[in-house]
Amino acid sequence: MPISRGARLLLAAVLAIMVKPAIPECRYFVSETGPVFQCISPRDGAVLYERRFPSAGEIESSVARARAAQASWAATDPTVRQEACRKFVAAFVKDASTHAEDIAAQMGRPIRFGKGEVAGFEERAARMIDLAPDALANLPAPAKPGFTRFIQKRPLGLILIIAPWNYPYLTAVNSIVPALLAGNAVILKHSHQTALCAERLVAAAAEADLPDGLFQYLHMSREQTAAFIAGGHADGAVFTGSVQGGAQIETAAKGQFIPVGLELGGKDPAYVRADAEIASAAAQVADGAFFNSGQSCCGVERVYVHADIYDDFVDALVAEANQLKLGDPFDPATTLGPMVRSAAADFVRAQVSDACGAGARCLIDETKFSASAPGTPYLAPQVLVDVDHNMGLMRDETFGPAIGVMKVENDEEAIALMNDSDFGLTASIWSADVERALDLAGTINTGTVFLNRCDYLDPDLAWTGVKQSGRGVSLSPLGFDQLTRVRSIHFRHLQE
């Protein structure tokens, strides 16, 4: 049963007293100016910023401005929209160092990796801009004498994009740029943990002279966001976040008959076949499991390894994990930063403890990671063996730097275990046999199947999930479909 914000805050306060030095999630309270929230840095518990929730009147005003801007924006030539989006992207990426610092402070990713997210933003945006003309072009019907017939792709109107903290720019760009290219207005509601990222994006759009009101942010509460959708303000919504959050968005949209794109959780599996290149597979699986402190929807969370190479692979994976440096995200040497908050790290600790209580073994000596401490967001990486699917570690989303490894005897056993999940975002196969991997991919129930890579979004390919990983498509030419509606033109010519 979902608990109220007040109950969550009370629980956080109790935990903060019981376990020191805990770092809480965002703080919510009422100030002299009204309800506000504060972003708490996982780095050191410092208050990074305080923002006020918008009033009902401010929300209405933003919607009015967005709709006014969208009407003229939709009427502009698509090439004009393309050029405007290019300028927006250029204005944003030129401040890559600032954005890297923002990410490190707000959610804890090491500073050395921050510019990579900005580069990824640029790559995805540029590719979607290039794909737009063909993706949004009219679809002709077969020629028929005396008729003009084709299908148009029209903007929905106002798109609400709800973005998460874990990849604050990469997740947002998947919808922002395609929505604008299609002729929509956008209101961005970012996680309160990374609200500054929304402000940076909107500032870049203003610098690029996008029409006033076309792209805005609103730092709404959950309740305000639900009311925004339920009240008919949005013509479409895109949400990236938890399964529970996705269910709340669906509930809010009930009866609105608007498209809702949901990119939710994952418990992504990797299968290392007997013919895999062990060193390469171990290095990339480790990166897929531990990068961003494991806080990735498509990160590797469970591994199945053929018995013939199991011991060697586990040794290699442990060696990769032991090379990580846990510490201050502003230290250039750090490769593993804190998790976003103490409660998230404690959840992973509990998952690992429960697995060990059920017979699993931890192979990483956490004392080698001096920054790791109970009750803090700083958590050492962990590799567990002797695991099974009765354990939450192999069944429930971990979203942290811990991974379980199971031995399998053949492809069939591996595929059965990979499919034994409520999630279906991505899966990876590690093998030298491309043809066999393609056959196996046809039996894996996920939105993406990788071979010899993982944890990557290719903007030329559709990003989608099945089961509790969500619905809808972003990226690729198909990513424009959930941001547009179709209109058929069926003209019969008068006889001359």
Protein backbone atom coordinates (compact mmCIF):
# COMPACT_ATOMS: atom_id res chain seq x y z
CA MET A 1 0.00 0.00 0.00
CA PRO A 2 1.46 3.42 -0.93
CA ILE A 3 2.24 5.60 2.07
CA SER A 4 1.62 9.31 2.26
CA ARG A 5 4.33 11.92 1.94
CA GLY A 6 3.90 12.77 5.61
CA ALA A 7 4.40 9.15 6.62
CA ARG A 8 7.49 8.90 4.44
CA LEU A 9 8.96 12.02 5.96
CA LEU A 10 8.27 10.78 9.48
CA LEU A 11 9.90 7.45 8.68
CA ALA A 12 12.93 9.22 7.19
CA ALA A 13 13.24 11.37 10.30
CA VAL A 14 13.09 8.33 12.59
CA LEU A 15 15.73 6.53 10.53
CA ALA A 16 17.94 9.61 10.58
CA ILE A 17 17.86 9.57 14.38
CA MET A 18 18.43 5.82 14.63
CA VAL A 19 21.27 5.55 12.12
CA LYS A 20 23.93 8.24 11.88
CA PRO A 21 25.22 9.83 9.70
CA ALA A 22 22.27 9.10 7.42
CA ILE A 23 21.69 11.40 4.45
CA PRO A 24 17.97 11.87 3.75
CA GLU A 25 16.10 12.30 0.52
CA CYS A 26 14.75 15.69 -0.48
CA ARG A 27 13.20 17.60 2.42
CA TYR A 28 9.66 18.94 2.17
CA PHE A 29 8.17 21.60 4.40
CA VAL A 30 6.11 24.79 4.42
CA SER A 31 8.01 28.07 4.47
CA GLU A 32 6.79 31.67 4.60
CA THR A 33 6.38 31.57 0.82
CA GLY A 34 4.44 28.30 0.83
CA PRO A 35 5.33 24.60 0.31
CA VAL A 36 8.96 24.08 -0.69
CA PHE A 37 11.48 21.29 -1.15
CA GLN A 38 15.22 21.11 -0.62
CA CYS A 39 17.64 18.96 -2.59
CA ILE A 40 20.07 17.11 -0.31
CA SER A 41 23.39 16.11 -1.86
CA PRO A 42 24.35 12.45 -1.34
CA ARG A 43 27.96 13.61 -1.38
CA ASP A 44 27.88 15.21 2.07
CA GLY A 45 24.30 15.89 3.11
CA ALA A 46 24.50 19.56 2.17
CA VAL A 47 21.42 21.45 1.01
CA LEU A 48 22.09 22.25 -2.64
CA TYR A 49 19.03 24.35 -3.34
CA GLU A 50 15.52 25.12 -2.21
CA ARG A 51 12.60 25.52 -4.59
CA ARG A 52 8.99 26.49 -4.13
CA PHE A 53 6.16 24.40 -5.53
CA PRO A 54 4.14 26.30 -8.16
CA SER A 55 0.71 27.62 -7.26
CA ALA A 56 -2.40 26.52 -9.12
CA GLY A 57 -2.44 29.88 -10.87
CA GLU A 58 1.19 29.51 -11.97
CA ILE A 59 0.46 26.09 -13.40
CA GLU A 60 -2.53 27.43 -15.34
CA SER A 61 -0.40 30.30 -16.64
CA SER A 62 2.33 27.91 -17.81
CA VAL A 63 -0.20 25.79 -19.64
CA ALA A 64 -1.69 28.86 -21.35
CA ARG A 65 1.75 30.06 -22.45
CA ALA A 66 2.65 26.60 -23.72
CA ARG A 67 -0.51 26.27 -25.77
CA ALA A 68 -0.12 29.73 -27.28
CA ALA A 69 3.46 28.98 -28.29
CA GLN A 70 2.61 25.53 -29.62
CA ALA A 71 -0.04 26.79 -32.02
CA SER A 72 2.46 28.88 -33.98
CA TRP A 73 5.33 26.39 -33.50
CA ALA A 74 3.32 23.58 -35.10
CA ALA A 75 2.70 25.80 -38.13
CA THR A 76 6.40 26.45 -38.73
CA ASP A 77 8.31 24.59 -41.41
CA PRO A 78 9.85 21.36 -40.04
CA THR A 79 13.29 22.51 -41.18
CA VAL A 80 12.93 25.58 -38.97
CA ARG A 81 12.13 23.34 -36.01
CA GLN A 82 15.17 21.20 -36.80
CA GLU A 83 17.49 24.18 -36.85
CA ALA A 84 16.02 25.54 -33.63
CA CYS A 85 16.59 22.21 -31.91
CA ARG A 86 20.18 22.12 -33.14
CA LYS A 87 20.77 25.53 -31.58
CA PHE A 88 19.15 24.36 -28.35
CA VAL A 89 21.43 21.31 -28.18
CA ALA A 90 24.52 23.41 -28.96
CA ALA A 91 23.61 25.90 -26.24
CA PHE A 92 23.25 23.09 -23.73
CA VAL A 93 26.37 21.00 -24.48
CA LYS A 94 28.78 23.95 -24.42
CA ASP A 95 28.47 24.01 -20.63
CA ALA A 96 29.43 20.33 -20.20
CA SER A 97 31.70 20.99 -17.20
CA THR A 98 28.91 22.75 -15.31
CA HIS A 99 26.49 19.94 -16.07
CA ALA A 100 28.99 17.34 -14.85
CA GLU A 101 29.33 19.22 -11.57
CA ASP A 102 25.55 19.47 -11.25
CA ILE A 103 25.17 15.72 -11.70
CA ALA A 104 27.90 14.91 -9.17
CA ALA A 105 26.42 17.22 -6.56
CA GLN A 106 22.76 16.31 -7.03
CA MET A 107 22.88 12.53 -7.42
CA GLY A 108 26.49 11.48 -6.77
CA ARG A 109 27.86 10.30 -10.09
CA PRO A 110 31.66 10.73 -10.23
CA ILE A 111 32.73 13.95 -11.92
CA ARG A 112 34.90 12.04 -14.39
CA PHE A 113 31.78 10.55 -16.00
CA GLY A 114 29.53 13.62 -16.07
CA LYS A 115 30.65 14.90 -19.46
CA GLY A 116 29.83 11.49 -20.91
CA GLU A 117 26.16 12.06 -20.18
CA VAL A 118 26.33 15.42 -21.96
CA ALA A 119 27.99 13.73 -24.95
CA GLY A 120 25.24 11.11 -24.94
CA PHE A 121 22.63 13.87 -24.84
CA GLU A 122 24.22 15.43 -27.92
CA GLU A 123 24.45 12.10 -29.76
CA ARG A 124 20.83 11.16 -29.19
CA ALA A 125 19.49 14.63 -29.94
CA ALA A 126 21.51 14.95 -33.14
CA ARG A 127 20.33 11.59 -34.39
CA MET A 128 16.67 12.30 -33.64
CA ILE A 129 16.99 15.64 -35.44
CA ASP A 130 18.38 13.84 -38.48
CA LEU A 131 15.67 11.17 -38.36
CA ALA A 132 12.80 13.66 -38.03
CA PRO A 133 12.14 14.53 -41.71
CA ASP A 134 11.53 10.94 -42.76
CA ALA A 135 9.90 9.89 -39.48
CA LEU A 136 7.39 12.76 -39.61
CA ALA A 137 6.80 12.72 -43.37
CA ASN A 138 3.38 12.01 -44.85
CA LEU A 139 2.67 8.36 -45.58
CA PRO A 140 1.28 8.04 -49.12
CA ALA A 141 -1.42 5.55 -50.00
CA PRO A 142 -1.22 3.63 -53.28
CA ALA A 143 -2.13 5.80 -56.25
CA LYS A 144 -5.83 5.78 -57.10
CA PRO A 145 -7.20 7.70 -60.11
CA GLY A 146 -9.33 10.68 -59.10
CA PHE A 147 -8.14 10.71 -55.48
CA THR A 148 -5.48 12.26 -53.26
CA ARG A 149 -4.83 10.04 -50.26
CA PHE A 150 -2.15 10.13 -47.58
CA ILE A 151 -1.63 9.97 -43.82
CA GLN A 152 -0.28 12.94 -41.89
CA LYS A 153 1.52 12.88 -38.56
CA ARG A 154 0.34 15.75 -36.42
CA PRO A 155 1.61 17.01 -33.03
CA LEU A 156 -0.39 16.06 -29.97
CA GLY A 157 -0.16 19.54 -28.46
CA LEU A 158 1.28 19.78 -24.94
CA ILE A 159 3.52 16.96 -23.73
CA LEU A 160 4.28 16.47 -20.03
CA ILE A 161 7.66 14.79 -19.56
CA ILE A 162 8.41 13.37 -16.11
CA ALA A 163 12.13 12.64 -15.84
CA PRO A 164 14.14 10.77 -13.16
CA TRP A 165 17.34 11.59 -11.30
CA ASN A 166 19.55 8.65 -12.28
CA TYR A 167 20.35 9.92 -15.81
CA PRO A 168 18.81 13.37 -15.60
CA TYR A 169 19.76 14.50 -19.10
CA LEU A 170 19.88 11.23 -21.04
CA THR A 171 16.39 10.18 -20.00
CA ALA A 172 14.92 13.61 -20.66
CA VAL A 173 16.40 14.07 -24.13
CA ASN A 174 14.74 10.89 -25.38
CA SER A 175 11.42 12.74 -25.43
CA ILE A 176 12.14 16.47 -25.24
CA VAL A 177 13.83 16.86 -28.61
CA PRO A 178 11.50 14.51 -30.56
CA ALA A 179 8.47 16.21 -29.00
CA LEU A 180 9.69 19.64 -30.09
CA LEU A 181 10.61 18.38 -33.55
CA ALA A 182 7.10 17.01 -33.97
CA GLY A 183 5.61 20.42 -33.24
CA ASN A 184 4.62 19.99 -29.61
CA ALA A 185 5.12 22.21 -26.58
CA VAL A 186 6.84 20.57 -23.61
CA ILE A 187 6.52 20.98 -19.86
CA LEU A 188 9.26 19.14 -17.98
CA LYS A 189 8.68 17.91 -14.45
CA HIS A 190 12.04 16.65 -13.25
CA SER A 191 12.85 14.71 -10.10
CA HIS A 192 13.24 17.06 -7.17
CA GLN A 193 16.66 15.48 -6.65
CA THR A 194 17.76 16.89 -10.03
CA ALA A 195 15.47 19.88 -10.45
CA LEU A 196 18.46 22.03 -11.36
CA CYS A 197 18.86 19.91 -14.52
CA ALA A 198 15.43 20.99 -15.73
CA GLU A 199 16.39 24.60 -15.20
CA ARG A 200 19.62 24.15 -17.16
CA LEU A 201 17.72 22.65 -20.09
CA VAL A 202 15.11 25.38 -20.23
CA ALA A 203 17.81 28.05 -19.95
CA ALA A 204 19.60 26.54 -22.95
CA ALA A 205 16.35 26.59 -24.93
CA ALA A 206 15.88 30.27 -24.08
CA GLU A 207 19.46 31.00 -25.13
CA ALA A 208 18.71 29.31 -28.46
CA ASP A 209 15.66 31.58 -28.90
CA LEU A 210 13.02 28.88 -28.85
CA PRO A 211 9.60 30.58 -28.67
CA ASP A 212 8.69 31.82 -25.22
CA GLY A 213 6.58 29.27 -23.35
CA LEU A 214 7.29 26.41 -25.76
CA PHE A 215 9.57 24.54 -23.39
CA GLN A 216 9.11 25.08 -19.65
CA TYR A 217 9.73 23.31 -16.36
CA LEU A 218 7.36 23.03 -13.42
CA HIS A 219 8.69 21.79 -10.08
CA MET A 220 5.38 20.16 -9.19
CA SER A 221 4.69 17.77 -6.34
CA ARG A 222 3.46 14.26 -7.05
CA GLU A 223 -0.05 15.35 -6.24
CA GLN A 224 0.20 18.35 -8.55
CA THR A 225 1.60 16.19 -11.32
CA ALA A 226 -1.26 13.73 -11.03
CA ALA A 227 -3.77 16.59 -11.00
CA PHE A 228 -2.08 18.11 -14.06
CA ILE A 229 -2.73 14.92 -16.01
CA ALA A 230 -6.15 14.15 -14.54
CA GLY A 231 -7.25 17.75 -15.16
CA GLY A 232 -6.73 17.50 -18.90
CA HIS A 233 -3.73 19.82 -19.17
CA ALA A 234 -1.56 17.28 -21.01
CA ASP A 235 -2.22 15.90 -24.48
CA GLY A 236 0.39 13.22 -23.88
CA ALA A 237 2.67 12.15 -21.05
CA VAL A 238 6.03 10.41 -20.90
CA PHE A 239 7.25 8.97 -17.60
CA THR A 240 10.56 7.35 -16.67
CA GLY A 241 10.74 5.90 -13.19
CA SER A 242 9.50 3.14 -10.92
CA VAL A 243 6.74 0.64 -11.57
CA GLN A 244 4.74 2.20 -8.74
CA GLY A 245 5.18 5.65 -10.26
CA GLY A 246 4.06 4.36 -13.64
CA ALA A 247 0.92 2.91 -12.10
CA GLN A 248 0.16 6.30 -10.53
CA ILE A 249 0.55 7.99 -13.92
CA GLU A 250 -1.81 5.48 -15.51
CA THR A 251 -4.35 6.12 -12.77
CA ALA A 252 -4.12 9.89 -13.27
CA ALA A 253 -4.57 9.49 -17.04
CA LYS A 254 -7.64 7.28 -16.69
CA GLY A 255 -10.44 8.68 -18.80
CA GLN A 256 -8.22 11.29 -20.49
CA PHE A 257 -7.60 9.08 -23.55
CA ILE A 258 -4.11 10.44 -24.05
CA PRO A 259 -1.00 8.45 -25.00
CA VAL A 260 1.19 7.62 -22.01
CA GLY A 261 4.72 6.34 -22.52
CA LEU A 262 6.20 4.43 -19.56
CA GLU A 263 9.85 3.44 -19.17
CA LEU A 264 9.93 1.65 -15.83
CA GLY A 265 12.13 -0.78 -13.94
CA GLY A 266 14.40 -3.60 -14.94
CA LYS A 267 16.09 -6.73 -13.64
CA ASP A 268 18.26 -7.17 -16.68
CA PRO A 269 20.03 -10.50 -17.16
CA ALA A 270 23.31 -11.41 -18.85
CA TYR A 271 24.14 -14.86 -20.18
CA VAL A 272 27.82 -15.71 -20.61
CA ARG A 273 28.12 -18.71 -22.94
CA ALA A 274 30.98 -21.18 -22.94
CA ASP A 275 32.49 -19.57 -26.06
CA ALA A 276 32.55 -16.04 -24.60
CA GLU A 277 35.75 -14.03 -24.33
CA ILE A 278 36.01 -14.12 -20.55
CA ALA A 279 38.11 -11.04 -19.82
CA SER A 280 36.11 -8.77 -22.12
CA ALA A 281 32.77 -10.14 -20.92
CA ALA A 282 33.71 -9.73 -17.25
CA ALA A 283 34.91 -6.15 -17.76
CA GLN A 284 31.77 -5.09 -19.61
CA VAL A 285 29.36 -6.92 -17.31
CA ALA A 286 31.07 -5.23 -14.35
CA ASP A 287 30.63 -1.86 -16.03
CA GLY A 288 26.98 -2.67 -16.74
CA ALA A 289 26.44 -3.68 -13.12
CA PHE A 290 28.41 -1.02 -11.23
CA PHE A 291 28.46 2.10 -13.40
CA ASN A 292 26.42 4.91 -11.85
CA SER A 293 26.50 2.86 -8.63
CA GLY A 294 24.19 0.36 -10.31
CA GLN A 295 21.44 2.97 -10.58
CA SER A 296 20.45 2.24 -14.16
CA CYS A 297 17.15 0.83 -15.39
CA CYS A 298 19.02 -1.24 -17.98
CA GLY A 299 22.02 -2.09 -15.81
CA VAL A 300 22.99 -5.75 -15.47
CA GLU A 301 21.48 -7.12 -12.25
CA ARG A 302 21.84 -10.90 -12.64
CA VAL A 303 24.31 -13.10 -14.52
CA TYR A 304 24.08 -16.69 -15.75
CA VAL A 305 27.38 -18.31 -16.70
CA HIS A 306 28.01 -21.62 -18.46
CA ALA A 307 29.55 -24.18 -16.12
CA ASP A 308 32.61 -24.65 -18.37
CA ILE A 309 33.85 -21.10 -17.71
CA TYR A 310 31.98 -20.25 -14.51
CA ASP A 311 34.94 -20.20 -12.10
CA ASP A 312 37.18 -18.21 -14.44
CA PHE A 313 34.44 -15.68 -15.17
CA VAL A 314 33.58 -15.18 -11.50
CA ASP A 315 37.26 -14.60 -10.69
CA ALA A 316 37.50 -12.04 -13.49
CA LEU A 317 34.30 -10.28 -12.40
CA VAL A 318 35.49 -10.03 -8.81
CA ALA A 319 38.82 -8.64 -9.99
CA GLU A 320 36.99 -5.95 -11.98
CA ALA A 321 34.84 -4.99 -8.98
CA ASN A 322 37.88 -4.75 -6.73
CA GLN A 323 39.46 -2.20 -9.06
CA LEU A 324 36.68 0.31 -8.44
CA LYS A 325 37.42 3.34 -6.27
CA LEU A 326 34.54 4.36 -3.99
CA GLY A 327 34.60 7.91 -2.77
CA ASP A 328 33.83 11.59 -3.19
CA PRO A 329 32.19 12.13 -6.59
CA PHE A 330 34.19 15.36 -7.02
CA ASP A 331 37.48 13.43 -6.76
CA PRO A 332 38.70 12.76 -10.33
CA ALA A 333 40.03 9.37 -9.22
CA THR A 334 36.63 8.15 -8.00
CA THR A 335 34.93 5.57 -10.23
CA LEU A 336 32.11 4.61 -7.86
CA GLY A 337 30.21 7.44 -6.19
CA PRO A 338 27.59 7.36 -3.46
CA MET A 339 24.10 6.13 -4.17
CA VAL A 340 21.46 8.82 -4.39
CA ARG A 341 20.46 8.55 -0.71
CA SER A 342 21.08 6.49 2.39
CA ALA A 343 17.74 4.70 2.18
CA ALA A 344 18.56 3.42 -1.31
CA ALA A 345 21.90 2.06 -0.15
CA ASP A 346 20.28 0.46 2.90
CA PHE A 347 17.78 -1.29 0.62
CA VAL A 348 20.67 -2.89 -1.28
CA ARG A 349 22.39 -3.81 1.98
CA ALA A 350 19.21 -5.51 3.13
CA GLN A 351 18.86 -7.39 -0.16
CA VAL A 352 22.44 -8.65 0.11
CA SER A 353 21.98 -9.59 3.77
CA ASP A 354 18.79 -11.50 3.03
CA ALA A 355 20.51 -13.40 0.21
CA CYS A 356 23.42 -14.34 2.46
CA GLY A 357 20.97 -15.46 5.10
CA ALA A 358 19.48 -17.81 2.50
CA GLY A 359 22.84 -19.32 1.55
CA ALA A 360 24.49 -16.87 -0.86
CA ARG A 361 28.15 -15.92 -0.48
CA CYS A 362 29.65 -12.45 -0.88
CA LEU A 363 32.98 -12.42 -2.71
CA ILE A 364 33.96 -8.78 -2.16
CA ASP A 365 35.66 -7.73 1.06
CA GLU A 366 33.86 -4.46 1.80
CA THR A 367 36.57 -3.38 4.24
CA LYS A 368 38.79 -2.71 1.21
CA PHE A 369 36.42 0.15 0.36
CA SER A 370 37.03 2.48 3.28
CA ALA A 371 34.32 4.96 2.28
CA SER A 372 31.61 2.31 2.56
CA ALA A 373 29.67 2.70 5.80
CA PRO A 374 26.25 1.54 7.05
CA GLY A 375 23.61 4.22 7.13
CA THR A 376 25.31 6.31 4.41
CA PRO A 377 24.89 6.41 0.61
CA TYR A 378 28.47 5.13 0.21
CA LEU A 379 28.22 1.43 -0.64
CA ALA A 380 30.94 -0.97 -1.80
CA PRO A 381 30.29 -3.12 -4.87
CA GLN A 382 29.31 -6.70 -4.23
CA VAL A 383 29.36 -9.96 -6.23
CA LEU A 384 27.32 -12.86 -4.84
CA VAL A 385 27.36 -16.55 -5.77
CA ASP A 386 25.31 -19.55 -4.62
CA VAL A 387 22.22 -17.50 -5.41
CA ASP A 388 18.86 -18.63 -6.75
CA HIS A 389 15.52 -17.19 -7.80
CA ASN A 390 14.00 -17.60 -4.35
CA MET A 391 16.12 -14.61 -3.31
CA GLY A 392 14.99 -11.03 -3.77
CA LEU A 393 18.46 -10.24 -5.08
CA MET A 394 17.69 -12.29 -8.21
CA ARG A 395 14.01 -11.43 -8.45
CA ASP A 396 13.42 -7.81 -7.37
CA GLU A 397 15.01 -4.70 -8.82
CA THR A 398 18.19 -3.87 -6.89
CA PHE A 399 19.14 -0.55 -8.48
CA GLY A 400 22.48 -0.60 -6.72
CA PRO A 401 26.03 -2.00 -6.99
CA ALA A 402 25.30 -5.64 -6.16
CA ILE A 403 25.00 -8.53 -8.57
CA GLY A 404 24.27 -12.24 -8.30
CA VAL A 405 25.93 -14.90 -10.49
CA MET A 406 24.47 -18.35 -11.20
CA LYS A 407 26.00 -21.38 -12.91
CA VAL A 408 24.03 -22.95 -15.79
CA GLU A 409 24.58 -26.12 -17.81
CA ASN A 410 23.21 -25.08 -21.20
CA ASP A 411 21.41 -22.44 -23.28
CA GLU A 412 17.97 -23.72 -22.40
CA GLU A 413 18.52 -23.38 -18.66
CA ALA A 414 19.94 -19.91 -19.11
CA ILE A 415 17.03 -18.69 -21.23
CA ALA A 416 14.46 -20.08 -18.80
CA LEU A 417 16.12 -18.19 -15.94
CA MET A 418 16.46 -15.00 -17.97
CA ASN A 419 12.73 -15.05 -18.72
CA ASP A 420 11.83 -15.84 -15.11
CA SER A 421 11.22 -12.19 -14.22
CA ASP A 422 8.45 -9.64 -13.94
CA PHE A 423 10.64 -7.25 -15.95
CA GLY A 424 11.72 -7.17 -19.57
CA LEU A 425 13.83 -4.17 -20.53
CA THR A 426 17.12 -5.56 -21.88
CA ALA A 427 19.13 -8.76 -21.86
CA SER A 428 22.68 -9.43 -22.99
CA ILE A 429 24.37 -12.50 -24.45
CA TRP A 430 28.12 -12.93 -24.43
CA SER A 431 29.28 -15.30 -27.16
CA ALA A 432 31.38 -15.66 -30.31
CA ASP A 433 28.50 -17.32 -32.16
CA VAL A 434 26.39 -14.59 -33.76
CA GLU A 435 23.93 -16.95 -35.41
CA ARG A 436 23.26 -18.88 -32.23
CA ALA A 437 22.85 -15.64 -30.31
CA LEU A 438 20.27 -14.47 -32.85
CA ASP A 439 18.34 -17.71 -32.37
CA LEU A 440 18.45 -17.27 -28.60
CA ALA A 441 17.36 -13.64 -28.88
CA GLY A 442 14.11 -14.82 -30.44
CA THR A 443 13.29 -16.66 -27.21
CA ILE A 444 14.14 -13.84 -24.76
CA ASN A 445 11.22 -11.71 -23.61
CA THR A 446 12.75 -8.23 -23.44
CA GLY A 447 12.60 -5.01 -25.43
CA THR A 448 16.29 -5.15 -26.41
CA VAL A 449 18.73 -8.04 -26.73
CA PHE A 450 22.45 -7.21 -26.85
CA LEU A 451 25.36 -9.36 -27.99
CA ASN A 452 28.76 -8.66 -26.45
CA ARG A 453 27.65 -5.33 -24.99
CA CYS A 454 25.10 -4.05 -22.47
CA ASP A 455 23.63 -0.98 -20.81
CA TYR A 456 23.53 1.20 -23.93
CA LEU A 457 20.82 3.04 -25.86
CA ASP A 458 21.35 3.28 -29.62
CA PRO A 459 19.31 6.24 -30.94
CA ASP A 460 18.77 4.41 -34.24
CA LEU A 461 16.99 1.58 -32.41
CA ALA A 462 13.67 1.55 -30.57
CA TRP A 463 13.92 1.78 -26.78
CA THR A 464 11.06 -0.16 -25.25
CA GLY A 465 10.21 -2.69 -22.58
CA VAL A 466 7.74 -5.47 -21.89
CA LYS A 467 5.98 -6.69 -18.76
CA GLN A 468 6.64 -4.36 -15.80
CA SER A 469 9.38 -2.54 -17.69
CA GLY A 470 6.70 -0.44 -19.31
CA ARG A 471 5.18 0.33 -22.67
CA GLY A 472 5.68 2.72 -25.53
CA VAL A 473 8.73 3.53 -27.62
CA SER A 474 11.36 6.24 -27.52
CA LEU A 475 14.30 6.86 -29.88
CA SER A 476 14.53 5.61 -33.49
CA PRO A 477 12.00 6.71 -36.14
CA LEU A 478 9.33 4.92 -34.09
CA GLY A 479 10.00 7.22 -31.12
CA PHE A 480 7.99 9.97 -32.78
CA ASP A 481 4.84 7.85 -32.85
CA GLN A 482 3.86 8.31 -29.19
CA LEU A 483 4.35 12.08 -29.59
CA THR A 484 2.10 12.45 -32.63
CA ARG A 485 -1.35 11.50 -33.85
CA VAL A 486 -2.31 10.50 -37.35
CA ARG A 487 -4.76 12.24 -39.64
CA SER A 488 -5.92 10.77 -42.95
CA ILE A 489 -6.40 12.96 -46.01
CA HIS A 490 -8.94 11.42 -48.37
CA PHE A 491 -9.80 13.80 -51.24
CA ARG A 492 -11.98 12.91 -54.17
CA HIS A 493 -11.40 15.14 -57.17
CA LEU A 494 -14.27 16.80 -59.01
CA GLN A 495 -14.75 15.55 -62.55
CA GLU A 496 -13.57 18.07 -65.14
